[in-house]
Amino acid sequence: MPQQVRGVVARGKGQPVSVETIVVPDPGPGEAVVEVQTCGVCHTDLHYREGGINDEFPFLLGHEAAGVVESVGEGVTDVAPGDFVILNWRAVCGTCRACLKGKPWYCFNTHNAAQPMTLEDGTALSPALGIGAFVEKTLVHSGQCTKVDPTASPAAVGLLGCGVMAGIGAAVNTGGVGRGDTVAVIGCGGVGDAAIAGAKLAGATTIIGVDVDDRKLAWAKGIGATHTVNAGSGDAVEEIRALTGGFGADVVIDAVGRPETWKQAFYARDLAGTVVLVGVPTPDMRIEMPLIDFFSRGGALKSSWYGDCLPSRDFPYLVDLYQQGRLDLDAFVTEKIGLDQVEEAFTRMHHGDVLRSVVVL
């Protein structure tokens, strides 16, 4: 029978979120009901609340989550009740043109649950990134569940569901950071610091964190930055060059997603270096630059979607590194909160006071 649970709903653009009763149907074919244990407060959820994704209100927010499978629908064989899983929004289809080319991390037709979750009056909810996890139980496609080591901390590994994976993947998967590389990361929030952690894992020798907030630069140092640059007190491009032998970094990652930070990334890279955009710009942002600069500097300009990750490959691997003490995911958990504190967490995130607030259910 359908279940009634509590969840965080955004009813209109810019309106404060509210905790409401959510109706979760029994799982249908290919679906699973997951009892959510933790869910990180991600900037994408704030984008949804502000109407920056689409206007399909009301939204059931939350997507960066871990929990335990409660029940599964017909035909589900990849997970079973009792499995500890990280939820992901890239449930690869296996049949689209990207999957058929052997690049499932670009899957253009990812699976979501077919049935909607609703409010008590029957109003269908739009789940954030097809998940909706600021809720005690959620309905997802079974392919959105990645089984991992059940002894891992849900608050820590659940962050792989979005922000931390986006950052690590931007460095390792998209940027192709390798041993001995020099790397600069512009923007040292949760995603940027995860990119720093990824660069460290990949063997980069010089890792430069760039921000305008000294608190965030201190966090970046703790995560693995070898150097930091306060972009508010000098020319960040020149300082990055000075720290890389005058050449610029091999890989520069823009974890902010603004025209000015992207230009900094472009000019702070070495000749034939790589720029990775992982910060999400708004639709109105524009860049005007001399075309000759693109030609003469060579290299690669990339955008990173979800860290170009493949959850079935990357999540278990990164959880293993966490369990071995080689990837400090606990460092990203600034505070643990309840469902009724999400609105306040948005404010702290907007002010740069946290790397991640994590809802614990």
Protein backbone atom coordinates (compact mmCIF):
# COMPACT_ATOMS: atom_id res chain seq x y z
CA MET A 1 0.00 0.00 0.00
CA PRO A 2 1.11 3.60 -0.54
CA GLN A 3 2.90 5.11 2.44
CA GLN A 4 2.67 8.56 3.98
CA VAL A 5 6.01 10.10 4.99
CA ARG A 6 7.47 13.54 5.69
CA GLY A 7 9.39 15.44 3.03
CA VAL A 8 10.63 18.91 2.07
CA VAL A 9 8.57 20.64 -0.62
CA ALA A 10 9.18 23.83 -2.61
CA ARG A 11 5.78 25.16 -3.72
CA GLY A 12 6.78 28.28 -5.61
CA LYS A 13 9.68 30.36 -6.89
CA GLY A 14 11.64 31.87 -4.04
CA GLN A 15 9.21 30.69 -1.37
CA PRO A 16 10.58 29.11 1.81
CA VAL A 17 10.42 25.33 1.74
CA SER A 18 8.07 23.42 4.02
CA VAL A 19 7.93 19.94 5.55
CA GLU A 20 4.78 18.22 4.31
CA THR A 21 3.17 14.80 4.08
CA ILE A 22 4.25 12.90 0.97
CA VAL A 23 2.48 9.86 -0.48
CA VAL A 24 4.93 7.24 -1.77
CA PRO A 25 3.40 4.52 -3.97
CA ASP A 26 4.44 0.89 -3.96
CA PRO A 27 7.26 0.28 -6.43
CA GLY A 28 6.20 -0.67 -9.94
CA PRO A 29 8.24 -2.56 -12.55
CA GLY A 30 11.87 -1.47 -12.42
CA GLU A 31 11.34 0.73 -9.35
CA ALA A 32 12.50 0.71 -5.73
CA VAL A 33 11.44 2.37 -2.51
CA VAL A 34 14.44 3.52 -0.49
CA GLU A 35 14.40 4.45 3.19
CA VAL A 36 16.57 7.57 3.14
CA GLN A 37 19.17 7.82 5.88
CA THR A 38 21.01 11.00 4.86
CA CYS A 39 20.79 13.66 2.17
CA GLY A 40 23.20 16.54 1.54
CA VAL A 41 21.95 20.07 0.95
CA CYS A 42 23.23 20.86 -2.55
CA HIS A 43 23.18 24.18 -4.41
CA THR A 44 21.12 22.49 -7.14
CA ASP A 45 18.26 22.16 -4.65
CA LEU A 46 18.40 25.91 -4.10
CA HIS A 47 18.34 26.37 -7.90
CA TYR A 48 15.12 24.33 -7.96
CA ARG A 49 13.57 26.44 -5.19
CA GLU A 50 14.51 29.63 -7.02
CA GLY A 51 13.00 28.39 -10.30
CA GLY A 52 16.42 28.21 -11.93
CA ILE A 53 15.93 24.66 -13.27
CA ASN A 54 12.32 24.79 -14.47
CA ASP A 55 8.93 25.90 -13.21
CA GLU A 56 7.42 22.46 -12.58
CA PHE A 57 6.40 23.24 -8.99
CA PRO A 58 5.82 21.76 -6.48
CA PHE A 59 9.23 20.15 -6.14
CA LEU A 60 10.26 17.41 -3.75
CA LEU A 61 13.80 18.56 -3.05
CA GLY A 62 16.96 16.58 -2.23
CA HIS A 63 19.05 14.23 -4.34
CA GLU A 64 22.48 13.70 -2.72
CA ALA A 65 21.49 10.72 -0.62
CA ALA A 66 22.20 7.31 0.87
CA GLY A 67 19.80 4.82 2.35
CA VAL A 68 18.50 1.26 2.47
CA VAL A 69 16.29 -0.38 -0.12
CA GLU A 70 12.94 -1.19 1.47
CA SER A 71 11.13 -2.84 -1.44
CA VAL A 72 11.51 -3.39 -5.17
CA GLY A 73 9.11 -3.81 -8.06
CA GLU A 74 8.75 -6.47 -10.70
CA GLY A 75 11.84 -7.32 -12.71
CA VAL A 76 14.36 -5.67 -10.38
CA THR A 77 17.45 -7.85 -9.96
CA ASP A 78 20.33 -5.38 -9.42
CA VAL A 79 19.31 -4.43 -5.86
CA ALA A 80 17.24 -6.12 -3.15
CA PRO A 81 15.55 -5.13 0.10
CA GLY A 82 18.16 -4.48 2.78
CA ASP A 83 20.88 -3.26 0.38
CA PHE A 84 22.70 -0.08 1.41
CA VAL A 85 22.78 2.22 -1.61
CA ILE A 86 23.86 5.64 -2.79
CA LEU A 87 21.26 7.29 -4.99
CA ASN A 88 22.34 8.69 -8.34
CA TRP A 89 20.67 10.67 -11.10
CA ARG A 90 22.50 8.89 -13.92
CA ALA A 91 20.73 5.54 -14.23
CA VAL A 92 22.15 4.61 -17.61
CA CYS A 93 19.74 3.24 -20.19
CA GLY A 94 22.22 1.11 -22.13
CA THR A 95 20.52 1.81 -25.46
CA CYS A 96 20.95 5.51 -26.33
CA ARG A 97 23.59 6.70 -28.79
CA ALA A 98 26.07 7.53 -25.98
CA CYS A 99 25.69 4.12 -24.33
CA LEU A 100 26.00 2.34 -27.67
CA LYS A 101 29.25 4.22 -28.33
CA GLY A 102 30.66 2.84 -25.07
CA LYS A 103 30.33 6.18 -23.24
CA PRO A 104 27.53 5.51 -20.75
CA TRP A 105 28.70 8.39 -18.51
CA TYR A 106 27.12 10.63 -21.18
CA CYS A 107 23.84 8.67 -21.20
CA PHE A 108 21.17 10.86 -22.81
CA ASN A 109 18.17 8.84 -21.65
CA THR A 110 18.67 8.06 -17.98
CA HIS A 111 15.92 6.23 -16.12
CA ASN A 112 13.59 7.70 -13.48
CA ALA A 113 10.65 6.21 -11.62
CA ALA A 114 7.53 6.05 -13.79
CA GLN A 115 5.09 6.74 -10.95
CA PRO A 116 4.88 10.13 -9.25
CA MET A 117 5.06 10.77 -5.55
CA THR A 118 2.28 13.13 -4.51
CA LEU A 119 0.98 15.47 -1.85
CA GLU A 120 -1.96 14.28 0.26
CA ASP A 121 -4.43 15.92 -2.15
CA GLY A 122 -2.99 13.96 -5.09
CA THR A 123 -0.88 16.78 -6.55
CA ALA A 124 2.07 15.22 -8.36
CA LEU A 125 5.53 16.24 -7.16
CA SER A 126 8.55 16.90 -9.36
CA PRO A 127 11.48 15.13 -7.66
CA ALA A 128 14.77 17.01 -7.78
CA LEU A 129 17.02 15.41 -10.41
CA GLY A 130 14.52 12.57 -10.61
CA ILE A 131 15.20 11.54 -7.01
CA GLY A 132 13.56 13.73 -4.32
CA ALA A 133 15.40 12.66 -1.17
CA PHE A 134 14.62 15.25 1.52
CA VAL A 135 12.04 12.69 2.57
CA GLU A 136 11.85 9.69 4.86
CA LYS A 137 11.28 7.31 1.95
CA THR A 138 11.55 7.93 -1.79
CA LEU A 139 10.56 6.13 -4.98
CA VAL A 140 13.26 5.84 -7.64
CA HIS A 141 14.19 3.69 -10.61
CA SER A 142 16.25 0.74 -9.43
CA GLY A 143 19.09 1.89 -11.70
CA GLN A 144 19.35 5.00 -9.53
CA CYS A 145 20.49 2.78 -6.63
CA THR A 146 24.18 1.89 -6.44
CA LYS A 147 25.01 -0.77 -3.88
CA VAL A 148 28.08 -0.01 -1.73
CA ASP A 149 29.79 -1.18 1.48
CA PRO A 150 27.07 -1.11 4.18
CA THR A 151 29.58 -0.30 6.94
CA ALA A 152 30.40 3.11 5.42
CA SER A 153 29.03 6.28 7.02
CA PRO A 154 25.84 7.31 5.17
CA ALA A 155 26.41 11.02 5.86
CA ALA A 156 29.83 10.89 4.21
CA VAL A 157 29.34 8.53 1.26
CA GLY A 158 25.92 9.92 0.39
CA LEU A 159 27.71 13.06 -0.82
CA LEU A 160 29.02 11.02 -3.74
CA GLY A 161 25.46 11.20 -5.03
CA CYS A 162 26.17 14.65 -6.43
CA GLY A 163 28.61 17.34 -5.27
CA VAL A 164 31.64 15.34 -4.20
CA MET A 165 31.39 13.06 -7.24
CA ALA A 166 31.02 16.09 -9.50
CA GLY A 167 34.23 17.58 -8.14
CA ILE A 168 36.34 14.43 -8.01
CA GLY A 169 35.13 13.43 -11.46
CA ALA A 170 35.87 16.89 -12.90
CA ALA A 171 39.53 16.35 -11.99
CA VAL A 172 39.94 12.63 -12.61
CA ASN A 173 37.44 11.78 -15.35
CA THR A 174 36.92 15.01 -17.29
CA GLY A 175 40.22 16.78 -16.65
CA GLY A 176 42.34 13.64 -16.85
CA VAL A 177 44.67 14.84 -14.09
CA GLY A 178 47.70 12.58 -13.87
CA ARG A 179 50.88 12.04 -11.90
CA GLY A 180 53.05 15.13 -11.68
CA ASP A 181 50.43 17.50 -13.11
CA THR A 182 49.82 21.03 -11.91
CA VAL A 183 46.19 21.85 -11.13
CA ALA A 184 44.31 25.00 -10.16
CA VAL A 185 40.76 24.95 -8.82
CA ILE A 186 38.78 28.20 -8.86
CA GLY A 187 36.07 28.16 -6.21
CA CYS A 188 36.72 26.23 -3.00
CA GLY A 189 33.24 25.25 -1.92
CA GLY A 190 32.10 21.64 -1.73
CA VAL A 191 32.54 20.84 -5.43
CA GLY A 192 35.83 22.73 -5.75
CA ASP A 193 37.31 21.06 -2.69
CA ALA A 194 36.21 17.70 -4.06
CA ALA A 195 38.10 18.54 -7.25
CA ILE A 196 41.14 19.25 -5.08
CA ALA A 197 40.69 15.86 -3.42
CA GLY A 198 40.43 14.25 -6.86
CA ALA A 199 43.60 15.95 -8.08
CA LYS A 200 45.42 14.70 -4.99
CA LEU A 201 44.17 11.14 -5.59
CA ALA A 202 45.36 11.32 -9.20
CA GLY A 203 48.91 12.28 -8.17
CA ALA A 204 49.06 16.00 -8.98
CA THR A 205 52.11 17.59 -7.38
CA THR A 206 50.97 21.21 -7.36
CA ILE A 207 47.33 21.87 -6.43
CA ILE A 208 46.27 25.50 -6.15
CA GLY A 209 43.00 26.50 -4.50
CA VAL A 210 41.60 29.87 -5.58
CA ASP A 211 38.81 31.76 -3.80
CA VAL A 212 37.97 35.17 -2.34
CA ASP A 213 37.15 33.76 1.11
CA ASP A 214 40.04 32.92 3.43
CA ARG A 215 37.84 30.44 5.33
CA LYS A 216 37.33 28.44 2.15
CA LEU A 217 41.02 28.61 1.33
CA ALA A 218 41.77 27.11 4.75
CA TRP A 219 39.30 24.29 3.99
CA ALA A 220 41.03 23.74 0.65
CA LYS A 221 44.39 23.38 2.40
CA GLY A 222 42.91 20.78 4.70
CA ILE A 223 41.52 18.80 1.76
CA GLY A 224 44.79 18.72 -0.18
CA ALA A 225 45.69 22.06 -1.79
CA THR A 226 49.44 22.64 -1.74
CA HIS A 227 48.99 26.38 -2.36
CA THR A 228 46.14 28.91 -2.09
CA VAL A 229 45.42 32.20 -3.84
CA ASN A 230 42.99 34.86 -2.63
CA ALA A 231 41.58 36.20 -5.90
CA GLY A 232 40.19 39.24 -4.10
CA SER A 233 43.59 40.61 -3.20
CA GLY A 234 45.58 40.15 -6.41
CA ASP A 235 45.70 38.87 -9.98
CA ALA A 236 44.76 35.19 -9.67
CA VAL A 237 46.00 34.35 -13.17
CA GLU A 238 49.44 35.78 -12.52
CA GLU A 239 49.67 34.10 -9.13
CA ILE A 240 48.78 30.71 -10.64
CA ARG A 241 51.44 31.21 -13.30
CA ALA A 242 53.99 32.18 -10.66
CA LEU A 243 53.26 28.95 -8.78
CA THR A 244 53.64 26.84 -11.94
CA GLY A 245 57.02 27.99 -13.24
CA GLY A 246 55.52 30.89 -15.15
CA PHE A 247 53.61 28.59 -17.51
CA GLY A 248 50.16 28.12 -16.03
CA ALA A 249 48.54 24.93 -14.76
CA ASP A 250 48.10 21.75 -16.77
CA VAL A 251 44.44 21.58 -15.70
CA VAL A 252 42.32 24.46 -14.40
CA ILE A 253 38.88 23.66 -12.98
CA ASP A 254 36.22 26.37 -12.72
CA ALA A 255 33.94 25.31 -9.87
CA VAL A 256 32.12 28.66 -9.82
CA GLY A 257 30.62 28.92 -13.29
CA ARG A 258 30.75 32.66 -13.97
CA PRO A 259 32.17 34.42 -17.06
CA GLU A 260 34.94 36.07 -15.05
CA THR A 261 36.06 32.84 -13.37
CA TRP A 262 35.97 30.94 -16.68
CA LYS A 263 38.20 33.58 -18.26
CA GLN A 264 40.59 33.27 -15.33
CA ALA A 265 40.65 29.51 -15.88
CA PHE A 266 41.26 29.95 -19.61
CA TYR A 267 44.24 32.26 -19.20
CA ALA A 268 45.66 30.50 -16.12
CA ARG A 269 46.28 27.23 -18.01
CA ASP A 270 49.49 26.26 -19.72
CA LEU A 271 49.68 26.07 -23.51
CA ALA A 272 47.77 22.97 -24.60
CA GLY A 273 46.34 22.75 -21.08
CA THR A 274 42.78 21.84 -20.15
CA VAL A 275 39.95 23.95 -18.75
CA VAL A 276 37.10 22.11 -17.04
CA LEU A 277 33.83 23.90 -16.28
CA VAL A 278 31.95 22.16 -13.47
CA GLY A 279 30.33 25.19 -11.84
CA VAL A 280 26.86 25.71 -13.31
CA PRO A 281 26.26 29.06 -15.06
CA THR A 282 22.86 30.70 -15.41
CA PRO A 283 21.23 30.89 -18.88
CA ASP A 284 21.84 34.65 -19.19
CA MET A 285 25.65 34.51 -18.79
CA ARG A 286 27.77 35.38 -21.84
CA ILE A 287 31.49 35.46 -22.72
CA GLU A 288 33.16 37.63 -25.35
CA MET A 289 36.81 36.81 -26.12
CA PRO A 290 39.24 37.05 -29.08
CA LEU A 291 38.86 33.93 -31.19
CA ILE A 292 42.62 33.93 -31.87
CA ASP A 293 43.21 33.17 -28.19
CA PHE A 294 41.31 29.90 -28.55
CA PHE A 295 43.36 28.93 -31.57
CA SER A 296 46.77 30.04 -30.34
CA ARG A 297 46.59 28.47 -26.89
CA GLY A 298 45.42 25.03 -28.05
CA GLY A 299 44.43 22.44 -25.50
CA ALA A 300 40.93 21.45 -24.47
CA LEU A 301 37.88 23.28 -23.11
CA LYS A 302 35.48 20.89 -21.42
CA SER A 303 32.32 20.91 -19.37
CA SER A 304 31.85 18.22 -16.74
CA TRP A 305 28.41 16.67 -16.23
CA TYR A 306 28.22 14.93 -12.85
CA GLY A 307 32.00 14.50 -13.03
CA ASP A 308 31.48 12.31 -16.14
CA CYS A 309 30.93 9.52 -13.66
CA LEU A 310 29.56 6.04 -14.07
CA PRO A 311 27.99 5.35 -10.66
CA SER A 312 28.31 1.55 -10.87
CA ARG A 313 32.06 1.98 -11.48
CA ASP A 314 32.94 5.06 -9.45
CA PHE A 315 30.82 4.89 -6.28
CA PRO A 316 32.08 1.52 -4.95
CA TYR A 317 35.69 2.47 -5.82
CA LEU A 318 35.52 5.81 -3.99
CA VAL A 319 33.74 4.26 -1.00
CA ASP A 320 36.57 1.72 -0.79
CA LEU A 321 39.11 4.56 -0.78
CA TYR A 322 37.11 6.26 1.98
CA GLN A 323 37.05 3.07 4.04
CA GLN A 324 40.83 2.74 3.60
CA GLY A 325 41.38 6.28 4.88
CA ARG A 326 42.64 7.52 1.51
CA LEU A 327 39.69 9.83 0.76
CA ASP A 328 38.43 11.98 3.63
CA LEU A 329 34.74 12.33 2.84
CA ASP A 330 34.00 13.18 6.49
CA ALA A 331 35.80 16.50 5.96
CA PHE A 332 32.96 17.62 3.68
CA VAL A 333 30.27 17.14 6.36
CA THR A 334 30.13 20.49 8.15
CA GLU A 335 26.92 19.86 10.08
CA LYS A 336 24.10 17.35 10.47
CA ILE A 337 20.55 18.71 10.54
CA GLY A 338 16.91 17.65 10.50
CA LEU A 339 14.33 17.93 7.72
CA ASP A 340 12.90 21.10 9.27
CA GLN A 341 16.27 22.88 9.02
CA VAL A 342 16.74 22.78 5.25
CA GLU A 343 15.67 26.41 4.71
CA GLU A 344 18.26 27.61 7.24
CA ALA A 345 20.86 25.38 5.58
CA PHE A 346 20.22 27.13 2.26
CA THR A 347 21.08 30.43 3.94
CA ARG A 348 24.31 29.08 5.43
CA MET A 349 25.27 27.56 2.08
CA HIS A 350 24.57 30.83 0.26
CA HIS A 351 26.79 32.69 2.74
CA GLY A 352 29.61 30.17 2.33
CA ASP A 353 29.46 29.03 5.95
CA VAL A 354 29.48 25.29 5.19
CA LEU A 355 30.91 22.75 2.80
CA ARG A 356 27.86 20.55 3.26
CA SER A 357 24.89 20.47 5.59
CA VAL A 358 23.61 16.90 5.70
CA VAL A 359 20.02 16.01 6.61
CA VAL A 360 19.92 12.94 8.85
CA LEU A 361 16.63 11.04 8.99
